[in-house]
């Protein structure tokens, strides 16, 4: 299992557009990807789960990757977070 932590820098937090882009990026990998905030974890491949976390600017998220291609997925998603959020 691979884990990354990231503090959201986007003023709007994880709102609809970046949430959709994040879900789409995660869906491209076969491994299980979870996103969590304050101990509440959701499937990062499901838009409603990601949105329900209500992540705001300055809050930390933890993403875990488990399974096939997890290292590649973690690297790609970490770059996505830096670029978009």
PDB file of N, CA and C in Angstrom:
ATOM      1  N   UNK A   1       0.851  -1.184   0.000  1.00  0.00           N
ATOM      2  CA  UNK A   1       0.000   0.000   0.000  1.00  0.00           C
ATOM      3  C   UNK A   1       0.891   1.240   0.000  1.00  0.00           C
ATOM      4  N   UNK A   2       0.515   2.192  -0.814  1.00  0.00           N
ATOM      5  CA  UNK A   2       1.226   3.468  -0.927  1.00  0.00           C
ATOM      6  C   UNK A   2       0.294   4.571  -0.434  1.00  0.00           C
ATOM      7  N   UNK A   3       0.870   5.542   0.271  1.00  0.00           N
ATOM      8  CA  UNK A   3       0.059   6.636   0.816  1.00  0.00           C
ATOM      9  C   UNK A   3       0.718   7.968   0.493  1.00  0.00           C
ATOM     10  N   UNK A   4      -0.116   8.951   0.136  1.00  0.00           N
ATOM     11  CA  UNK A   4       0.381  10.315  -0.044  1.00  0.00           C
ATOM     12  C   UNK A   4      -0.509  11.258   0.759  1.00  0.00           C
ATOM     13  N   UNK A   5       0.098  12.322   1.247  1.00  0.00           N
ATOM     14  CA  UNK A   5      -0.644  13.360   1.974  1.00  0.00           C
ATOM     15  C   UNK A   5      -0.474  14.650   1.204  1.00  0.00           C
ATOM     16  N   UNK A   6      -1.532  15.448   1.175  1.00  0.00           N
ATOM     17  CA  UNK A   6      -1.478  16.699   0.432  1.00  0.00           C
ATOM     18  C   UNK A   6      -2.389  17.729   1.098  1.00  0.00           C
ATOM     19  N   UNK A   7      -1.887  18.954   1.227  1.00  0.00           N
ATOM     20  CA  UNK A   7      -2.685  20.060   1.760  1.00  0.00           C
ATOM     21  C   UNK A   7      -3.237  20.838   0.567  1.00  0.00           C
ATOM     22  N   UNK A   8      -4.551  20.996   0.518  1.00  0.00           N
ATOM     23  CA  UNK A   8      -5.223  21.657  -0.598  1.00  0.00           C
ATOM     24  C   UNK A   8      -4.880  23.145  -0.603  1.00  0.00           C
ATOM     25  N   UNK A   9      -4.436  23.633  -1.763  1.00  0.00           N
ATOM     26  CA  UNK A   9      -4.043  25.038  -1.893  1.00  0.00           C
ATOM     27  C   UNK A   9      -5.064  25.851  -2.681  1.00  0.00           C
ATOM     28  N   UNK A  10      -5.931  25.191  -3.425  1.00  0.00           N
ATOM     29  CA  UNK A  10      -6.950  25.886  -4.220  1.00  0.00           C
ATOM     30  C   UNK A  10      -7.912  26.609  -3.274  1.00  0.00           C
ATOM     31  N   UNK A  11      -8.157  27.888  -3.526  1.00  0.00           N
ATOM     32  CA  UNK A  11      -9.039  28.689  -2.669  1.00  0.00           C
ATOM     33  C   UNK A  11     -10.432  28.094  -2.519  1.00  0.00           C
ATOM     34  N   UNK A  12     -10.893  27.409  -3.563  1.00  0.00           N
ATOM     35  CA  UNK A  12     -12.243  26.838  -3.560  1.00  0.00           C
ATOM     36  C   UNK A  12     -12.293  25.427  -2.960  1.00  0.00           C
ATOM     37  N   UNK A  13     -11.133  24.866  -2.624  1.00  0.00           N
ATOM     38  CA  UNK A  13     -11.100  23.502  -2.117  1.00  0.00           C
ATOM     39  C   UNK A  13     -11.357  22.518  -3.256  1.00  0.00           C
ATOM     40  N   UNK A  14     -11.836  21.328  -2.910  1.00  0.00           N
ATOM     41  CA  UNK A  14     -12.161  20.342  -3.946  1.00  0.00           C
ATOM     42  C   UNK A  14     -13.627  20.527  -4.313  1.00  0.00           C
ATOM     43  N   UNK A  15     -13.868  21.396  -5.282  1.00  0.00           N
ATOM     44  CA  UNK A  15     -15.239  21.645  -5.747  1.00  0.00           C
ATOM     45  C   UNK A  15     -15.516  20.764  -6.965  1.00  0.00           C
ATOM     46  N   UNK A  16     -16.642  20.939  -7.603  1.00  0.00           N
ATOM     47  CA  UNK A  16     -17.128  20.019  -8.636  1.00  0.00           C
ATOM     48  C   UNK A  16     -16.133  19.746  -9.763  1.00  0.00           C
ATOM     49  N   UNK A  17     -15.581  20.783 -10.376  1.00  0.00           N
ATOM     50  CA  UNK A  17     -14.703  20.552 -11.531  1.00  0.00           C
ATOM     51  C   UNK A  17     -13.453  19.757 -11.164  1.00  0.00           C
ATOM     52  N   UNK A  18     -12.652  20.192 -10.167  1.00  0.00           N
ATOM     53  CA  UNK A  18     -11.462  19.399  -9.860  1.00  0.00           C
ATOM     54  C   UNK A  18     -11.804  18.018  -9.277  1.00  0.00           C
ATOM     55  N   UNK A  19     -12.930  17.907  -8.605  1.00  0.00           N
ATOM     56  CA  UNK A  19     -13.337  16.591  -8.089  1.00  0.00           C
ATOM     57  C   UNK A  19     -13.580  15.637  -9.257  1.00  0.00           C
ATOM     58  N   UNK A  20     -14.253  16.122 -10.288  1.00  0.00           N
ATOM     59  CA  UNK A  20     -14.511  15.304 -11.470  1.00  0.00           C
ATOM     60  C   UNK A  20     -13.221  14.913 -12.171  1.00  0.00           C
ATOM     61  N   UNK A  21     -12.283  15.847 -12.261  1.00  0.00           N
ATOM     62  CA  UNK A  21     -10.999  15.560 -12.889  1.00  0.00           C
ATOM     63  C   UNK A  21     -10.198  14.557 -12.064  1.00  0.00           C
ATOM     64  N   UNK A  22     -10.262  14.681 -10.740  1.00  0.00           N
ATOM     65  CA  UNK A  22      -9.562  13.745  -9.854  1.00  0.00           C
ATOM     66  C   UNK A  22     -10.136  12.342 -10.013  1.00  0.00           C
ATOM     67  N   UNK A  23     -11.445  12.226 -10.014  1.00  0.00           N
ATOM     68  CA  UNK A  23     -12.104  10.921 -10.173  1.00  0.00           C
ATOM     69  C   UNK A  23     -11.710  10.300 -11.512  1.00  0.00           C
ATOM     70  N   UNK A  24     -11.706  11.099 -12.557  1.00  0.00           N
ATOM     71  CA  UNK A  24     -11.343  10.603 -13.888  1.00  0.00           C
ATOM     72  C   UNK A  24      -9.889  10.119 -13.900  1.00  0.00           C
ATOM     73  N   UNK A  25      -8.990  10.868 -13.262  1.00  0.00           N
ATOM     74  CA  UNK A  25      -7.583  10.477 -13.196  1.00  0.00           C
ATOM     75  C   UNK A  25      -7.418   9.172 -12.416  1.00  0.00           C
ATOM     76  N   UNK A  26      -8.145   9.033 -11.330  1.00  0.00           N
ATOM     77  CA  UNK A  26      -8.063   7.825 -10.503  1.00  0.00           C
ATOM     78  C   UNK A  26      -8.643   6.609 -11.223  1.00  0.00           C
ATOM     79  N   UNK A  27      -9.701   6.836 -11.990  1.00  0.00           N
ATOM     80  CA  UNK A  27     -10.368   5.741 -12.692  1.00  0.00           C
ATOM     81  C   UNK A  27      -9.474   5.079 -13.732  1.00  0.00           C
ATOM     82  N   UNK A  28      -8.420   5.753 -14.143  1.00  0.00           N
ATOM     83  CA  UNK A  28      -7.504   5.199 -15.130  1.00  0.00           C
ATOM     84  C   UNK A  28      -6.557   4.145 -14.582  1.00  0.00           C
ATOM     85  N   UNK A  29      -6.633   3.863 -13.294  1.00  0.00           N
ATOM     86  CA  UNK A  29      -5.742   2.878 -12.673  1.00  0.00           C
ATOM     87  C   UNK A  29      -6.538   1.717 -12.093  1.00  0.00           C
ATOM     88  N   UNK A  30      -5.997   0.493 -12.187  1.00  0.00           N
ATOM     89  CA  UNK A  30      -6.730  -0.680 -11.697  1.00  0.00           C
ATOM     90  C   UNK A  30      -6.709  -0.848 -10.174  1.00  0.00           C
ATOM     91  N   UNK A  31      -5.792  -0.171  -9.492  1.00  0.00           N
ATOM     92  CA  UNK A  31      -5.686  -0.346  -8.043  1.00  0.00           C
ATOM     93  C   UNK A  31      -6.828   0.364  -7.306  1.00  0.00           C
ATOM     94  N   UNK A  32      -7.002  -0.039  -6.057  1.00  0.00           N
ATOM     95  CA  UNK A  32      -8.007   0.603  -5.202  1.00  0.00           C
ATOM     96  C   UNK A  32      -7.408   1.928  -4.712  1.00  0.00           C
ATOM     97  N   UNK A  33      -8.160   3.019  -4.878  1.00  0.00           N
ATOM     98  CA  UNK A  33      -7.687   4.340  -4.446  1.00  0.00           C
ATOM     99  C   UNK A  33      -8.726   4.948  -3.514  1.00  0.00           C
ATOM    100  N   UNK A  34      -8.272   5.297  -2.316  1.00  0.00           N
ATOM    101  CA  UNK A  34      -9.151   5.903  -1.320  1.00  0.00           C
ATOM    102  C   UNK A  34      -8.647   7.318  -1.017  1.00  0.00           C
ATOM    103  N   UNK A  35      -9.597   8.209  -0.746  1.00  0.00           N
ATOM    104  CA  UNK A  35      -9.266   9.574  -0.327  1.00  0.00           C
ATOM    105  C   UNK A  35      -9.907   9.788   1.039  1.00  0.00           C
ATOM    106  N   UNK A  36      -9.149  10.362   1.967  1.00  0.00           N
ATOM    107  CA  UNK A  36      -9.712  10.577   3.297  1.00  0.00           C
ATOM    108  C   UNK A  36      -9.350  11.944   3.840  1.00  0.00           C
ATOM    109  N   UNK A  37     -10.237  12.427   4.699  1.00  0.00           N
ATOM    110  CA  UNK A  37     -10.037  13.696   5.408  1.00  0.00           C
ATOM    111  C   UNK A  37     -10.606  13.516   6.803  1.00  0.00           C
ATOM    112  N   UNK A  38      -9.839  13.874   7.798  1.00  0.00           N
ATOM    113  CA  UNK A  38     -10.273  13.774   9.203  1.00  0.00           C
ATOM    114  C   UNK A  38     -10.772  12.377   9.549  1.00  0.00           C
ATOM    115  N   UNK A  39     -10.123  11.346   9.011  1.00  0.00           N
ATOM    116  CA  UNK A  39     -10.473   9.971   9.340  1.00  0.00           C
ATOM    117  C   UNK A  39     -11.638   9.386   8.559  1.00  0.00           C
ATOM    118  N   UNK A  40     -12.289  10.178   7.720  1.00  0.00           N
ATOM    119  CA  UNK A  40     -13.409   9.694   6.909  1.00  0.00           C
ATOM    120  C   UNK A  40     -12.878   9.368   5.516  1.00  0.00           C
ATOM    121  N   UNK A  41     -12.976   8.107   5.100  1.00  0.00           N
ATOM    122  CA  UNK A  41     -12.418   7.666   3.825  1.00  0.00           C
ATOM    123  C   UNK A  41     -13.513   7.354   2.810  1.00  0.00           C
ATOM    124  N   UNK A  42     -13.225   7.706   1.564  1.00  0.00           N
ATOM    125  CA  UNK A  42     -14.161   7.463   0.455  1.00  0.00           C
ATOM    126  C   UNK A  42     -13.393   6.906  -0.739  1.00  0.00           C
ATOM    127  N   UNK A  43     -14.105   6.224  -1.612  1.00  0.00           N
ATOM    128  CA  UNK A  43     -13.539   5.717  -2.861  1.00  0.00           C
ATOM    129  C   UNK A  43     -13.259   6.913  -3.771  1.00  0.00           C
ATOM    130  N   UNK A  44     -12.005   7.092  -4.164  1.00  0.00           N
ATOM    131  CA  UNK A  44     -11.617   8.242  -4.988  1.00  0.00           C
ATOM    132  C   UNK A  44     -12.085   8.111  -6.433  1.00  0.00           C
ATOM    133  N   UNK A  45     -12.694   6.996  -6.776  1.00  0.00           N
ATOM    134  CA  UNK A  45     -13.195   6.796  -8.136  1.00  0.00           C
ATOM    135  C   UNK A  45     -14.688   7.097  -8.228  1.00  0.00           C
ATOM    136  N   UNK A  46     -15.262   7.630  -7.143  1.00  0.00           N
ATOM    137  CA  UNK A  46     -16.689   7.951  -7.105  1.00  0.00           C
ATOM    138  C   UNK A  46     -16.866   9.426  -6.750  1.00  0.00           C
ATOM    139  N   UNK A  47     -17.453  10.170  -7.677  1.00  0.00           N
ATOM    140  CA  UNK A  47     -17.590  11.624  -7.528  1.00  0.00           C
ATOM    141  C   UNK A  47     -18.352  12.023  -6.269  1.00  0.00           C
ATOM    142  N   UNK A  48     -19.416  11.330  -5.962  1.00  0.00           N
ATOM    143  CA  UNK A  48     -20.216  11.702  -4.778  1.00  0.00           C
ATOM    144  C   UNK A  48     -19.430  11.485  -3.483  1.00  0.00           C
ATOM    145  N   UNK A  49     -18.598  10.450  -3.465  1.00  0.00           N
ATOM    146  CA  UNK A  49     -17.769  10.211  -2.290  1.00  0.00           C
ATOM    147  C   UNK A  49     -16.754  11.318  -2.090  1.00  0.00           C
ATOM    148  N   UNK A  50     -16.091  11.694  -3.173  1.00  0.00           N
ATOM    149  CA  UNK A  50     -15.084  12.757  -3.101  1.00  0.00           C
ATOM    150  C   UNK A  50     -15.736  14.067  -2.675  1.00  0.00           C
ATOM    151  N   UNK A  51     -16.864  14.403  -3.281  1.00  0.00           N
ATOM    152  CA  UNK A  51     -17.559  15.655  -2.961  1.00  0.00           C
ATOM    153  C   UNK A  51     -18.075  15.660  -1.515  1.00  0.00           C
ATOM    154  N   UNK A  52     -18.506  14.495  -1.030  1.00  0.00           N
ATOM    155  CA  UNK A  52     -19.086  14.441   0.320  1.00  0.00           C
ATOM    156  C   UNK A  52     -18.073  14.745   1.419  1.00  0.00           C
ATOM    157  N   UNK A  53     -16.785  14.659   1.110  1.00  0.00           N
ATOM    158  CA  UNK A  53     -15.769  14.985   2.114  1.00  0.00           C
ATOM    159  C   UNK A  53     -15.715  16.480   2.408  1.00  0.00           C
ATOM    160  N   UNK A  54     -16.169  17.296   1.469  1.00  0.00           N
ATOM    161  CA  UNK A  54     -16.201  18.747   1.682  1.00  0.00           C
ATOM    162  C   UNK A  54     -14.845  19.347   1.984  1.00  0.00           C
ATOM    163  N   UNK A  55     -13.834  18.967   1.222  1.00  0.00           N
ATOM    164  CA  UNK A  55     -12.470  19.425   1.478  1.00  0.00           C
ATOM    165  C   UNK A  55     -12.304  20.894   1.081  1.00  0.00           C
ATOM    166  N   UNK A  56     -11.803  21.685   2.022  1.00  0.00           N
ATOM    167  CA  UNK A  56     -11.626  23.114   1.815  1.00  0.00           C
ATOM    168  C   UNK A  56     -10.133  23.463   1.753  1.00  0.00           C
ATOM    169  N   UNK A  57      -9.843  24.662   1.314  1.00  0.00           N
ATOM    170  CA  UNK A  57      -8.470  25.156   1.229  1.00  0.00           C
ATOM    171  C   UNK A  57      -7.788  25.063   2.602  1.00  0.00           C
ATOM    172  N   UNK A  58      -6.562  24.564   2.606  1.00  0.00           N
ATOM    173  CA  UNK A  58      -5.798  24.454   3.838  1.00  0.00           C
ATOM    174  C   UNK A  58      -5.976  23.142   4.568  1.00  0.00           C
ATOM    175  N   UNK A  59      -6.916  22.311   4.124  1.00  0.00           N
ATOM    176  CA  UNK A  59      -7.132  21.020   4.776  1.00  0.00           C
ATOM    177  C   UNK A  59      -6.270  19.945   4.126  1.00  0.00           C
ATOM    178  N   UNK A  60      -5.860  18.982   4.938  1.00  0.00           N
ATOM    179  CA  UNK A  60      -5.025  17.894   4.438  1.00  0.00           C
ATOM    180  C   UNK A  60      -5.877  16.688   4.057  1.00  0.00           C
ATOM    181  N   UNK A  61      -5.551  16.112   2.906  1.00  0.00           N
ATOM    182  CA  UNK A  61      -6.167  14.854   2.500  1.00  0.00           C
ATOM    183  C   UNK A  61      -5.085  13.784   2.494  1.00  0.00           C
ATOM    184  N   UNK A  62      -5.519  12.555   2.682  1.00  0.00           N
ATOM    185  CA  UNK A  62      -4.627  11.404   2.596  1.00  0.00           C
ATOM    186  C   UNK A  62      -5.200  10.498   1.519  1.00  0.00           C
ATOM    187  N   UNK A  63      -4.361  10.097   0.583  1.00  0.00           N
ATOM    188  CA  UNK A  63      -4.797   9.195  -0.474  1.00  0.00           C
ATOM    189  C   UNK A  63      -3.998   7.910  -0.349  1.00  0.00           C
ATOM    190  N   UNK A  64      -4.692   6.771  -0.389  1.00  0.00           N
ATOM    191  CA  UNK A  64      -4.030   5.476  -0.313  1.00  0.00           C
ATOM    192  C   UNK A  64      -4.283   4.706  -1.598  1.00  0.00           C
ATOM    193  N   UNK A  65      -3.270   3.986  -2.011  1.00  0.00           N
ATOM    194  CA  UNK A  65      -3.284   3.226  -3.253  1.00  0.00           C
ATOM    195  C   UNK A  65      -2.907   1.789  -2.910  1.00  0.00           C
ATOM    196  N   UNK A  66      -3.728   0.837  -3.337  1.00  0.00           N
ATOM    197  CA  UNK A  66      -3.474  -0.555  -2.991  1.00  0.00           C
ATOM    198  C   UNK A  66      -3.791  -1.450  -4.182  1.00  0.00           C
ATOM    199  N   UNK A  67      -2.778  -2.158  -4.667  1.00  0.00           N
ATOM    200  CA  UNK A  67      -2.996  -3.098  -5.763  1.00  0.00           C
ATOM    201  C   UNK A  67      -2.085  -2.845  -6.945  1.00  0.00           C
ATOM    202  N   UNK A  68      -2.496  -3.350  -8.082  1.00  0.00           N
ATOM    203  CA  UNK A  68      -1.720  -3.273  -9.312  1.00  0.00           C
ATOM    204  C   UNK A  68      -1.431  -1.825  -9.705  1.00  0.00           C
ATOM    205  N   UNK A  69      -0.169  -1.536 -10.020  1.00  0.00           N
ATOM    206  CA  UNK A  69       0.292  -0.212 -10.456  1.00  0.00           C
ATOM    207  C   UNK A  69       0.101   0.884  -9.407  1.00  0.00           C
ATOM    208  N   UNK A  70       0.120   0.524  -8.124  1.00  0.00           N
ATOM    209  CA  UNK A  70      -0.129   1.533  -7.083  1.00  0.00           C
ATOM    210  C   UNK A  70       0.935   2.625  -7.047  1.00  0.00           C
ATOM    211  N   UNK A  71       2.195   2.283  -7.278  1.00  0.00           N
ATOM    212  CA  UNK A  71       3.259   3.295  -7.248  1.00  0.00           C
ATOM    213  C   UNK A  71       3.084   4.295  -8.391  1.00  0.00           C
ATOM    214  N   UNK A  72       2.764   3.795  -9.573  1.00  0.00           N
ATOM    215  CA  UNK A  72       2.537   4.676 -10.726  1.00  0.00           C
ATOM    216  C   UNK A  72       1.322   5.565 -10.480  1.00  0.00           C
ATOM    217  N   UNK A  73       0.265   4.982  -9.926  1.00  0.00           N
ATOM    218  CA  UNK A  73      -0.947   5.746  -9.629  1.00  0.00           C
ATOM    219  C   UNK A  73      -0.646   6.847  -8.616  1.00  0.00           C
ATOM    220  N   UNK A  74       0.082   6.517  -7.553  1.00  0.00           N
ATOM    221  CA  UNK A  74       0.413   7.503  -6.523  1.00  0.00           C
ATOM    222  C   UNK A  74       1.225   8.651  -7.104  1.00  0.00           C
ATOM    223  N   UNK A  75       2.188   8.338  -7.953  1.00  0.00           N
ATOM    224  CA  UNK A  75       3.019   9.359  -8.579  1.00  0.00           C
ATOM    225  C   UNK A  75       2.186  10.277  -9.476  1.00  0.00           C
ATOM    226  N   UNK A  76       1.326   9.674 -10.283  1.00  0.00           N
ATOM    227  CA  UNK A  76       0.485  10.441 -11.201  1.00  0.00           C
ATOM    228  C   UNK A  76      -0.495  11.335 -10.450  1.00  0.00           C
ATOM    229  N   UNK A  77      -1.139  10.785  -9.428  1.00  0.00           N
ATOM    230  CA  UNK A  77      -2.132  11.553  -8.668  1.00  0.00           C
ATOM    231  C   UNK A  77      -1.452  12.646  -7.844  1.00  0.00           C
ATOM    232  N   UNK A  78      -0.257  12.390  -7.328  1.00  0.00           N
ATOM    233  CA  UNK A  78       0.480  13.423  -6.591  1.00  0.00           C
ATOM    234  C   UNK A  78       0.784  14.604  -7.518  1.00  0.00           C
ATOM    235  N   UNK A  79       1.187  14.320  -8.746  1.00  0.00           N
ATOM    236  CA  UNK A  79       1.454  15.380  -9.724  1.00  0.00           C
ATOM    237  C   UNK A  79       0.167  16.126 -10.061  1.00  0.00           C
ATOM    238  N   UNK A  80      -0.937  15.399 -10.196  1.00  0.00           N
ATOM    239  CA  UNK A  80      -2.242  16.019 -10.466  1.00  0.00           C
ATOM    240  C   UNK A  80      -2.608  16.977  -9.341  1.00  0.00           C
ATOM    241  N   UNK A  81      -2.459  16.553  -8.099  1.00  0.00           N
ATOM    242  CA  UNK A  81      -2.815  17.393  -6.954  1.00  0.00           C
ATOM    243  C   UNK A  81      -1.981  18.671  -6.948  1.00  0.00           C
ATOM    244  N   UNK A  82      -0.682  18.544  -7.188  1.00  0.00           N
ATOM    245  CA  UNK A  82       0.200  19.717  -7.227  1.00  0.00           C
ATOM    246  C   UNK A  82      -0.225  20.701  -8.316  1.00  0.00           C
ATOM    247  N   UNK A  83      -0.605  20.167  -9.461  1.00  0.00           N
ATOM    248  CA  UNK A  83      -0.953  21.016 -10.605  1.00  0.00           C
ATOM    249  C   UNK A  83      -2.343  21.646 -10.479  1.00  0.00           C
ATOM    250  N   UNK A  84      -3.309  20.880  -9.998  1.00  0.00           N
ATOM    251  CA  UNK A  84      -4.711  21.319 -10.019  1.00  0.00           C
ATOM    252  C   UNK A  84      -5.261  21.829  -8.689  1.00  0.00           C
ATOM    253  N   UNK A  85      -4.738  21.318  -7.584  1.00  0.00           N
ATOM    254  CA  UNK A  85      -5.333  21.674  -6.295  1.00  0.00           C
ATOM    255  C   UNK A  85      -4.303  22.276  -5.335  1.00  0.00           C
TER     256      UNK A  85
END
